[in-house]
Amino acid sequence: MNTDSTTLYKLMILYMLSKVNFPLSNTQLSSFMLDKQYTDYFTFQETINSLVEDGFIRGYSHQSSTHYTLTKEGEETIAFFYTKISTAIRDDIETYLFDNKYELKNEAGTVTDCYKLSNGNYIAHCQLKEGDTTLIELNLNVPVEEQAEIICARWRENSQEVYDYIVRKLM
């Protein structure tokens, strides 16, 4: 992988993260890069790891995947160097983010987790966030792990609708 390509891939990832106000997952970032055939998976992973090691992005585990946000250094870098990305590539990125905004944001703002209690029951922990603000948080106690997993899966699909329903009912 040559230096120019590496730099471009780094700038593309920084640009993507600069255009949203929520974290993007490794899968979301790689989907764009791979679907558009900008690079291969291994090069993408090397690029992400390099950005984390160099302090331009911060990664954290969330729902069994890694999500990324820009650091201050990353923000400053992309603000200064975004013109090094061609207009065509910036347009591709912006189109991808616009076309997938709801799905990308919903995934970032929907938090679920299942865990076993000492009495043998399971908790399905469901949360809906907007940025750093928690809109709703539910802990549902169920007797079987599969039920907790189903609740978590359905929460990821229906969290906004459930939240809207509860707010309407209580107001």
N, C-alpha and C. Protein backbone atom coordinates (compact mmCIF):
# COMPACT_ATOMS: atom_id res chain seq x y z
N MET A 1 0.86 -1.17 0.00
CA MET A 1 0.00 0.00 0.00
C MET A 1 0.90 1.23 0.00
N ASN A 2 0.70 2.12 -0.97
CA ASN A 2 1.57 3.28 -1.03
C ASN A 2 1.10 4.39 -0.11
N THR A 3 2.00 5.32 0.16
CA THR A 3 1.73 6.39 1.13
C THR A 3 0.57 7.28 0.70
N ASP A 4 0.48 7.60 -0.59
CA ASP A 4 -0.61 8.45 -1.06
C ASP A 4 -1.97 7.80 -0.82
N SER A 5 -2.06 6.50 -1.10
CA SER A 5 -3.32 5.78 -0.88
C SER A 5 -3.66 5.74 0.60
N THR A 6 -2.66 5.44 1.42
CA THR A 6 -2.88 5.39 2.87
C THR A 6 -3.39 6.72 3.38
N THR A 7 -2.78 7.79 2.95
CA THR A 7 -3.20 9.13 3.37
C THR A 7 -4.63 9.41 2.92
N LEU A 8 -4.95 9.05 1.69
CA LEU A 8 -6.30 9.27 1.18
C LEU A 8 -7.33 8.49 2.00
N TYR A 9 -7.06 7.23 2.29
CA TYR A 9 -8.01 6.42 3.07
C TYR A 9 -8.21 7.01 4.46
N LYS A 10 -7.12 7.47 5.07
CA LYS A 10 -7.24 8.10 6.39
C LYS A 10 -8.11 9.35 6.31
N LEU A 11 -7.86 10.18 5.31
CA LEU A 11 -8.65 11.40 5.16
C LEU A 11 -10.11 11.09 4.88
N MET A 12 -10.38 10.05 4.10
CA MET A 12 -11.76 9.67 3.81
C MET A 12 -12.50 9.27 5.09
N ILE A 13 -11.85 8.49 5.93
CA ILE A 13 -12.48 8.07 7.19
C ILE A 13 -12.69 9.28 8.10
N LEU A 14 -11.70 10.14 8.20
CA LEU A 14 -11.85 11.35 9.00
C LEU A 14 -12.99 12.21 8.46
N TYR A 15 -13.09 12.31 7.14
CA TYR A 15 -14.14 13.11 6.52
C TYR A 15 -15.52 12.54 6.85
N MET A 16 -15.65 11.22 6.74
CA MET A 16 -16.93 10.58 7.08
C MET A 16 -17.33 10.90 8.52
N LEU A 17 -16.39 10.74 9.44
CA LEU A 17 -16.69 10.99 10.85
C LEU A 17 -16.98 12.46 11.12
N SER A 18 -16.39 13.34 10.32
CA SER A 18 -16.63 14.78 10.52
C SER A 18 -18.01 15.21 10.04
N LYS A 19 -18.63 14.41 9.20
CA LYS A 19 -19.92 14.77 8.60
C LYS A 19 -21.12 14.27 9.39
N VAL A 20 -20.90 13.55 10.48
CA VAL A 20 -22.01 13.07 11.30
C VAL A 20 -21.79 13.52 12.75
N ASN A 21 -22.88 13.60 13.50
CA ASN A 21 -22.77 14.01 14.90
C ASN A 21 -23.01 12.83 15.84
N PHE A 22 -22.66 11.64 15.37
CA PHE A 22 -22.79 10.42 16.17
C PHE A 22 -21.68 9.47 15.74
N PRO A 23 -21.34 8.50 16.57
CA PRO A 23 -20.28 7.55 16.21
C PRO A 23 -20.69 6.67 15.04
N LEU A 24 -19.70 6.25 14.26
CA LEU A 24 -19.93 5.28 13.19
C LEU A 24 -19.19 4.00 13.56
N SER A 25 -19.83 2.87 13.26
CA SER A 25 -19.22 1.58 13.58
C SER A 25 -18.20 1.20 12.53
N ASN A 26 -17.36 0.26 12.91
CA ASN A 26 -16.38 -0.29 11.97
C ASN A 26 -17.10 -0.82 10.73
N THR A 27 -18.22 -1.50 10.93
CA THR A 27 -18.99 -2.05 9.82
C THR A 27 -19.52 -0.96 8.91
N GLN A 28 -20.03 0.12 9.49
CA GLN A 28 -20.57 1.22 8.68
C GLN A 28 -19.47 1.87 7.85
N LEU A 29 -18.33 2.11 8.45
CA LEU A 29 -17.23 2.72 7.72
C LEU A 29 -16.70 1.78 6.64
N SER A 30 -16.50 0.52 7.01
CA SER A 30 -15.95 -0.42 6.03
C SER A 30 -16.93 -0.70 4.91
N SER A 31 -18.22 -0.70 5.19
CA SER A 31 -19.22 -0.93 4.13
C SER A 31 -19.06 0.09 3.02
N PHE A 32 -18.91 1.35 3.40
CA PHE A 32 -18.72 2.38 2.38
C PHE A 32 -17.44 2.13 1.59
N MET A 33 -16.34 1.96 2.29
CA MET A 33 -15.03 1.82 1.63
C MET A 33 -14.98 0.58 0.73
N LEU A 34 -15.59 -0.51 1.17
CA LEU A 34 -15.54 -1.76 0.40
C LEU A 34 -16.59 -1.77 -0.71
N ASP A 35 -17.81 -1.32 -0.41
CA ASP A 35 -18.87 -1.31 -1.43
C ASP A 35 -18.51 -0.43 -2.61
N LYS A 36 -17.84 0.67 -2.32
CA LYS A 36 -17.42 1.59 -3.39
C LYS A 36 -16.08 1.17 -4.00
N GLN A 37 -15.52 0.09 -3.47
CA GLN A 37 -14.27 -0.49 -3.95
C GLN A 37 -13.09 0.48 -3.88
N TYR A 38 -13.08 1.29 -2.82
CA TYR A 38 -11.93 2.17 -2.62
C TYR A 38 -10.72 1.40 -2.12
N THR A 39 -10.97 0.36 -1.33
CA THR A 39 -9.88 -0.42 -0.78
C THR A 39 -10.39 -1.80 -0.38
N ASP A 40 -9.49 -2.65 0.07
CA ASP A 40 -9.88 -3.98 0.55
C ASP A 40 -9.98 -3.96 2.08
N TYR A 41 -10.54 -5.02 2.63
CA TYR A 41 -10.82 -5.08 4.06
C TYR A 41 -9.55 -4.94 4.91
N PHE A 42 -8.48 -5.63 4.53
CA PHE A 42 -7.27 -5.61 5.34
C PHE A 42 -6.62 -4.23 5.35
N THR A 43 -6.61 -3.58 4.22
CA THR A 43 -6.08 -2.22 4.15
C THR A 43 -6.94 -1.27 4.97
N PHE A 44 -8.25 -1.46 4.89
CA PHE A 44 -9.16 -0.63 5.70
C PHE A 44 -8.84 -0.79 7.18
N GLN A 45 -8.70 -2.04 7.65
CA GLN A 45 -8.43 -2.29 9.07
C GLN A 45 -7.09 -1.68 9.48
N GLU A 46 -6.08 -1.79 8.64
CA GLU A 46 -4.79 -1.18 8.94
C GLU A 46 -4.93 0.33 9.08
N THR A 47 -5.74 0.91 8.20
CA THR A 47 -5.95 2.36 8.22
C THR A 47 -6.65 2.79 9.49
N ILE A 48 -7.72 2.09 9.86
CA ILE A 48 -8.45 2.40 11.09
C ILE A 48 -7.52 2.29 12.30
N ASN A 49 -6.77 1.19 12.37
CA ASN A 49 -5.86 0.99 13.50
C ASN A 49 -4.82 2.10 13.58
N SER A 50 -4.32 2.51 12.45
CA SER A 50 -3.34 3.59 12.40
C SER A 50 -3.94 4.91 12.89
N LEU A 51 -5.17 5.20 12.48
CA LEU A 51 -5.84 6.43 12.93
C LEU A 51 -6.04 6.43 14.45
N VAL A 52 -6.38 5.26 15.01
CA VAL A 52 -6.54 5.16 16.46
C VAL A 52 -5.19 5.34 17.15
N GLU A 53 -4.18 4.62 16.68
CA GLU A 53 -2.84 4.70 17.28
C GLU A 53 -2.27 6.11 17.22
N ASP A 54 -2.55 6.82 16.12
CA ASP A 54 -2.02 8.18 15.95
C ASP A 54 -2.86 9.24 16.66
N GLY A 55 -3.98 8.82 17.27
CA GLY A 55 -4.79 9.74 18.06
C GLY A 55 -5.75 10.61 17.27
N PHE A 56 -6.06 10.23 16.02
CA PHE A 56 -6.99 11.02 15.21
C PHE A 56 -8.44 10.61 15.41
N ILE A 57 -8.65 9.35 15.80
CA ILE A 57 -9.99 8.87 16.11
C ILE A 57 -9.93 8.06 17.40
N ARG A 58 -11.08 7.94 18.04
CA ARG A 58 -11.19 7.17 19.27
C ARG A 58 -12.16 6.03 19.00
N GLY A 59 -11.77 4.83 19.36
CA GLY A 59 -12.64 3.68 19.19
C GLY A 59 -13.11 3.16 20.54
N TYR A 60 -14.34 2.69 20.58
CA TYR A 60 -14.84 2.08 21.81
C TYR A 60 -15.81 0.96 21.44
N SER A 61 -15.82 -0.07 22.26
CA SER A 61 -16.69 -1.22 22.02
C SER A 61 -18.11 -0.89 22.44
N HIS A 62 -19.05 -1.30 21.60
CA HIS A 62 -20.46 -1.01 21.83
C HIS A 62 -21.27 -2.04 21.06
N GLN A 63 -22.09 -2.83 21.78
CA GLN A 63 -22.93 -3.84 21.15
C GLN A 63 -22.12 -4.80 20.28
N SER A 64 -21.03 -5.30 20.80
CA SER A 64 -20.15 -6.25 20.13
C SER A 64 -19.57 -5.75 18.82
N SER A 65 -19.44 -4.44 18.68
CA SER A 65 -18.69 -3.89 17.55
C SER A 65 -17.97 -2.64 18.04
N THR A 66 -17.05 -2.16 17.24
CA THR A 66 -16.30 -0.98 17.61
C THR A 66 -16.86 0.23 16.89
N HIS A 67 -17.09 1.30 17.63
CA HIS A 67 -17.59 2.56 17.08
C HIS A 67 -16.49 3.61 17.20
N TYR A 68 -16.48 4.55 16.26
CA TYR A 68 -15.42 5.54 16.20
C TYR A 68 -15.96 6.96 16.19
N THR A 69 -15.22 7.84 16.84
CA THR A 69 -15.49 9.27 16.79
C THR A 69 -14.17 9.99 16.56
N LEU A 70 -14.26 11.22 16.09
CA LEU A 70 -13.07 12.03 15.89
C LEU A 70 -12.54 12.55 17.22
N THR A 71 -11.24 12.64 17.34
CA THR A 71 -10.63 13.36 18.45
C THR A 71 -10.45 14.80 18.00
N LYS A 72 -10.02 15.65 18.90
CA LYS A 72 -9.75 17.04 18.54
C LYS A 72 -8.69 17.10 17.43
N GLU A 73 -7.67 16.26 17.53
CA GLU A 73 -6.62 16.20 16.51
C GLU A 73 -7.20 15.79 15.16
N GLY A 74 -8.13 14.84 15.18
CA GLY A 74 -8.77 14.41 13.94
C GLY A 74 -9.60 15.51 13.33
N GLU A 75 -10.34 16.25 14.17
CA GLU A 75 -11.15 17.37 13.68
C GLU A 75 -10.27 18.43 13.03
N GLU A 76 -9.17 18.77 13.69
CA GLU A 76 -8.27 19.79 13.16
C GLU A 76 -7.64 19.33 11.85
N THR A 77 -7.27 18.07 11.78
CA THR A 77 -6.62 17.53 10.59
C THR A 77 -7.56 17.56 9.39
N ILE A 78 -8.78 17.09 9.56
CA ILE A 78 -9.70 17.04 8.41
C ILE A 78 -10.13 18.45 8.01
N ALA A 79 -10.24 19.35 8.96
CA ALA A 79 -10.59 20.74 8.63
C ALA A 79 -9.51 21.37 7.74
N PHE A 80 -8.28 20.99 7.97
CA PHE A 80 -7.17 21.55 7.21
C PHE A 80 -6.94 20.83 5.88
N PHE A 81 -7.15 19.50 5.84
CA PHE A 81 -6.76 18.71 4.68
C PHE A 81 -7.91 18.14 3.85
N TYR A 82 -9.16 18.48 4.15
CA TYR A 82 -10.28 17.86 3.42
C TYR A 82 -10.20 18.11 1.92
N THR A 83 -9.57 19.19 1.50
CA THR A 83 -9.47 19.47 0.05
C THR A 83 -8.54 18.49 -0.66
N LYS A 84 -7.79 17.71 0.09
CA LYS A 84 -6.93 16.68 -0.52
C LYS A 84 -7.77 15.49 -1.01
N ILE A 85 -9.03 15.44 -0.59
CA ILE A 85 -9.97 14.41 -1.07
C ILE A 85 -10.67 15.01 -2.28
N SER A 86 -10.71 14.28 -3.37
CA SER A 86 -11.35 14.81 -4.58
C SER A 86 -12.82 15.11 -4.33
N THR A 87 -13.35 16.04 -5.10
CA THR A 87 -14.76 16.40 -4.99
C THR A 87 -15.64 15.18 -5.24
N ALA A 88 -15.25 14.33 -6.18
CA ALA A 88 -16.04 13.13 -6.50
C ALA A 88 -16.12 12.20 -5.29
N ILE A 89 -15.02 12.00 -4.59
CA ILE A 89 -15.02 11.13 -3.42
C ILE A 89 -15.82 11.77 -2.29
N ARG A 90 -15.64 13.07 -2.07
CA ARG A 90 -16.44 13.75 -1.04
C ARG A 90 -17.92 13.63 -1.35
N ASP A 91 -18.28 13.76 -2.62
CA ASP A 91 -19.68 13.60 -3.03
C ASP A 91 -20.17 12.19 -2.74
N ASP A 92 -19.34 11.17 -3.04
CA ASP A 92 -19.69 9.78 -2.73
C ASP A 92 -19.96 9.61 -1.24
N ILE A 93 -19.09 10.16 -0.42
CA ILE A 93 -19.24 10.05 1.03
C ILE A 93 -20.52 10.73 1.49
N GLU A 94 -20.74 11.94 1.03
CA GLU A 94 -21.92 12.70 1.46
C GLU A 94 -23.21 12.03 0.99
N THR A 95 -23.20 11.47 -0.22
CA THR A 95 -24.38 10.75 -0.72
C THR A 95 -24.65 9.51 0.13
N TYR A 96 -23.61 8.75 0.43
CA TYR A 96 -23.75 7.56 1.27
C TYR A 96 -24.33 7.93 2.64
N LEU A 97 -23.78 8.97 3.25
CA LEU A 97 -24.26 9.38 4.57
C LEU A 97 -25.70 9.89 4.50
N PHE A 98 -26.04 10.63 3.47
CA PHE A 98 -27.41 11.13 3.31
C PHE A 98 -28.39 9.98 3.08
N ASP A 99 -28.03 9.08 2.16
CA ASP A 99 -28.92 7.96 1.82
C ASP A 99 -29.13 7.00 2.98
N ASN A 100 -28.16 6.90 3.87
CA ASN A 100 -28.21 5.94 4.97
C ASN A 100 -28.30 6.60 6.34
N LYS A 101 -28.60 7.88 6.37
CA LYS A 101 -28.57 8.63 7.63
C LYS A 101 -29.42 8.00 8.72
N TYR A 102 -30.66 7.64 8.40
CA TYR A 102 -31.55 7.09 9.43
C TYR A 102 -30.98 5.79 9.99
N GLU A 103 -30.55 4.90 9.11
CA GLU A 103 -30.02 3.60 9.56
C GLU A 103 -28.74 3.79 10.36
N LEU A 104 -27.86 4.66 9.89
CA LEU A 104 -26.61 4.89 10.59
C LEU A 104 -26.85 5.47 11.98
N LYS A 105 -27.71 6.46 12.05
CA LYS A 105 -27.98 7.12 13.33
C LYS A 105 -28.74 6.19 14.27
N ASN A 106 -29.69 5.45 13.73
CA ASN A 106 -30.48 4.54 14.56
C ASN A 106 -29.59 3.49 15.20
N GLU A 107 -28.66 2.96 14.42
CA GLU A 107 -27.75 1.95 14.97
C GLU A 107 -26.88 2.55 16.07
N ALA A 108 -26.42 3.77 15.86
CA ALA A 108 -25.55 4.40 16.85
C ALA A 108 -26.30 4.77 18.12
N GLY A 109 -27.59 5.10 18.00
CA GLY A 109 -28.35 5.56 19.15
C GLY A 109 -29.14 4.48 19.87
N THR A 110 -29.12 3.27 19.35
CA THR A 110 -29.89 2.18 19.95
C THR A 110 -28.92 1.24 20.65
N VAL A 111 -29.08 1.14 21.97
CA VAL A 111 -28.19 0.32 22.78
C VAL A 111 -28.98 -0.83 23.38
N THR A 112 -28.45 -2.04 23.26
CA THR A 112 -29.09 -3.20 23.88
C THR A 112 -28.03 -4.08 24.52
N ASP A 113 -28.48 -4.84 25.52
CA ASP A 113 -27.60 -5.80 26.17
C ASP A 113 -28.48 -6.80 26.92
N CYS A 114 -28.03 -8.04 26.98
CA CYS A 114 -28.73 -9.09 27.74
C CYS A 114 -27.76 -9.62 28.79
N TYR A 115 -28.27 -9.86 29.99
CA TYR A 115 -27.42 -10.48 30.99
C TYR A 115 -28.26 -11.28 31.98
N LYS A 116 -27.60 -12.26 32.58
CA LYS A 116 -28.27 -13.18 33.49
C LYS A 116 -28.22 -12.65 34.92
N LEU A 117 -29.35 -12.79 35.62
CA LEU A 117 -29.44 -12.39 37.02
C LEU A 117 -29.11 -13.59 37.91
N SER A 118 -28.85 -13.34 39.18
CA SER A 118 -28.52 -14.43 40.11
C SER A 118 -29.69 -15.38 40.33
N ASN A 119 -30.93 -14.92 40.10
CA ASN A 119 -32.10 -15.80 40.27
C ASN A 119 -32.40 -16.64 39.03
N GLY A 120 -31.56 -16.53 38.00
CA GLY A 120 -31.73 -17.33 36.79
C GLY A 120 -32.48 -16.62 35.68
N ASN A 121 -33.15 -15.53 35.99
CA ASN A 121 -33.83 -14.74 34.96
C ASN A 121 -32.81 -13.93 34.16
N TYR A 122 -33.31 -13.29 33.11
CA TYR A 122 -32.45 -12.48 32.26
C TYR A 122 -33.00 -11.07 32.16
N ILE A 123 -32.12 -10.11 32.03
CA ILE A 123 -32.51 -8.72 31.80
C ILE A 123 -32.21 -8.37 30.35
N ALA A 124 -33.21 -7.81 29.69
CA ALA A 124 -33.02 -7.21 28.36
C ALA A 124 -32.91 -5.71 28.61
N HIS A 125 -31.72 -5.19 28.49
CA HIS A 125 -31.47 -3.76 28.71
C HIS A 125 -31.58 -3.06 27.36
N CYS A 126 -32.49 -2.09 27.27
CA CYS A 126 -32.77 -1.39 26.02
C CYS A 126 -32.68 0.11 26.26
N GLN A 127 -31.98 0.79 25.38
CA GLN A 127 -31.78 2.22 25.56
C GLN A 127 -31.82 2.91 24.20
N LEU A 128 -32.38 4.11 24.18
CA LEU A 128 -32.39 4.95 22.98
C LEU A 128 -31.73 6.26 23.34
N LYS A 129 -30.69 6.61 22.57
CA LYS A 129 -29.94 7.83 22.84
C LYS A 129 -29.98 8.74 21.62
N GLU A 130 -29.86 10.02 21.90
CA GLU A 130 -29.68 11.01 20.84
C GLU A 130 -28.45 11.81 21.23
N GLY A 131 -27.35 11.56 20.54
CA GLY A 131 -26.09 12.16 20.96
C GLY A 131 -25.70 11.58 22.30
N ASP A 132 -25.43 12.45 23.26
CA ASP A 132 -25.07 12.01 24.61
C ASP A 132 -26.27 11.92 25.54
N THR A 133 -27.47 12.24 25.04
CA THR A 133 -28.67 12.27 25.85
C THR A 133 -29.43 10.95 25.76
N THR A 134 -29.75 10.36 26.90
CA THR A 134 -30.58 9.16 26.93
C THR A 134 -32.03 9.59 26.86
N LEU A 135 -32.75 9.12 25.82
CA LEU A 135 -34.16 9.44 25.67
C LEU A 135 -35.03 8.51 26.49
N ILE A 136 -34.70 7.23 26.46
CA ILE A 136 -35.45 6.23 27.22
C ILE A 136 -34.53 5.06 27.52
N GLU A 137 -34.76 4.44 28.67
CA GLU A 137 -33.98 3.28 29.07
C GLU A 137 -34.92 2.30 29.77
N LEU A 138 -34.94 1.06 29.28
CA LEU A 138 -35.80 0.02 29.84
C LEU A 138 -34.97 -1.18 30.25
N ASN A 139 -35.33 -1.77 31.37
CA ASN A 139 -34.76 -3.05 31.79
C ASN A 139 -35.92 -4.00 31.96
N LEU A 140 -36.02 -4.99 31.08
CA LEU A 140 -37.13 -5.94 31.11
C LEU A 140 -36.62 -7.28 31.64
N ASN A 141 -37.26 -7.77 32.70
CA ASN A 141 -36.91 -9.02 33.34
C ASN A 141 -37.73 -10.14 32.69
N VAL A 142 -37.04 -11.13 32.11
CA VAL A 142 -37.72 -12.25 31.46
C VAL A 142 -37.08 -13.56 31.94
N PRO A 143 -37.85 -14.67 31.87
CA PRO A 143 -37.35 -15.92 32.42
C PRO A 143 -36.35 -16.68 31.53
N VAL A 144 -36.33 -16.37 30.23
CA VAL A 144 -35.53 -17.17 29.30
C VAL A 144 -34.60 -16.26 28.49
N GLU A 145 -33.36 -16.71 28.30
CA GLU A 145 -32.37 -15.92 27.55
C GLU A 145 -32.84 -15.58 26.14
N GLU A 146 -33.48 -16.54 25.48
CA GLU A 146 -33.94 -16.31 24.11
C GLU A 146 -34.94 -15.15 24.05
N GLN A 147 -35.79 -15.04 25.08
CA GLN A 147 -36.74 -13.93 25.13
C GLN A 147 -36.00 -12.59 25.24
N ALA A 148 -34.99 -12.55 26.07
CA ALA A 148 -34.20 -11.33 26.22
C ALA A 148 -33.53 -10.96 24.90
N GLU A 149 -33.00 -11.95 24.20
CA GLU A 149 -32.35 -11.69 22.91
C GLU A 149 -33.35 -11.19 21.87
N ILE A 150 -34.55 -11.76 21.86
CA ILE A 150 -35.60 -11.31 20.93
C ILE A 150 -36.00 -9.87 21.24
N ILE A 151 -36.17 -9.57 22.52
CA ILE A 151 -36.52 -8.20 22.91
C ILE A 151 -35.45 -7.23 22.44
N CYS A 152 -34.19 -7.57 22.65
CA CYS A 152 -33.10 -6.69 22.22
C CYS A 152 -33.09 -6.51 20.70
N ALA A 153 -33.29 -7.59 19.97
CA ALA A 153 -33.32 -7.50 18.51
C ALA A 153 -34.48 -6.62 18.04
N ARG A 154 -35.62 -6.80 18.64
CA ARG A 154 -36.79 -6.01 18.23
C ARG A 154 -36.65 -4.55 18.67
N TRP A 155 -35.97 -4.31 19.78
CA TRP A 155 -35.73 -2.94 20.22
C TRP A 155 -34.89 -2.20 19.17
N ARG A 156 -33.88 -2.88 18.65
CA ARG A 156 -33.04 -2.26 17.62
C ARG A 156 -33.86 -1.87 16.40
N GLU A 157 -34.90 -2.63 16.10
CA GLU A 157 -35.76 -2.34 14.93
C GLU A 157 -36.85 -1.32 15.24
N ASN A 158 -37.34 -1.28 16.48
CA ASN A 158 -38.55 -0.51 16.80
C ASN A 158 -38.38 0.53 17.90
N SER A 159 -37.17 0.84 18.29
CA SER A 159 -36.97 1.72 19.44
C SER A 159 -37.63 3.09 19.28
N GLN A 160 -37.50 3.68 18.12
CA GLN A 160 -38.08 5.01 17.91
C GLN A 160 -39.60 4.97 18.01
N GLU A 161 -40.20 3.95 17.43
CA GLU A 161 -41.66 3.80 17.48
C GLU A 161 -42.14 3.57 18.91
N VAL A 162 -41.44 2.75 19.67
CA VAL A 162 -41.81 2.49 21.07
C VAL A 162 -41.67 3.77 21.89
N TYR A 163 -40.58 4.48 21.68
CA TYR A 163 -40.37 5.75 22.39
C TYR A 163 -41.49 6.74 22.09
N ASP A 164 -41.80 6.91 20.81
CA ASP A 164 -42.87 7.84 20.41
C ASP A 164 -44.21 7.44 21.05
N TYR A 165 -44.51 6.15 21.06
CA TYR A 165 -45.75 5.65 21.64
C TYR A 165 -45.83 5.99 23.14
N ILE A 166 -44.77 5.70 23.87
CA ILE A 166 -44.76 5.96 25.31
C ILE A 166 -44.92 7.45 25.59
N VAL A 167 -44.20 8.28 24.86
CA VAL A 167 -44.30 9.73 25.07
C VAL A 167 -45.73 10.20 24.80
N ARG A 168 -46.34 9.74 23.71
CA ARG A 168 -47.72 10.14 23.39
C ARG A 168 -48.69 9.68 24.47
N LYS A 169 -48.53 8.46 24.97
CA LYS A 169 -49.44 7.92 25.99
C LYS A 169 -49.32 8.68 27.31
N LEU A 170 -48.14 9.13 27.62
CA LEU A 170 -47.92 9.78 28.91
C LEU A 170 -48.14 11.29 28.90
N MET A 171 -48.33 11.86 27.75
CA MET A 171 -48.53 13.32 27.69
C MET A 171 -49.98 13.68 27.56
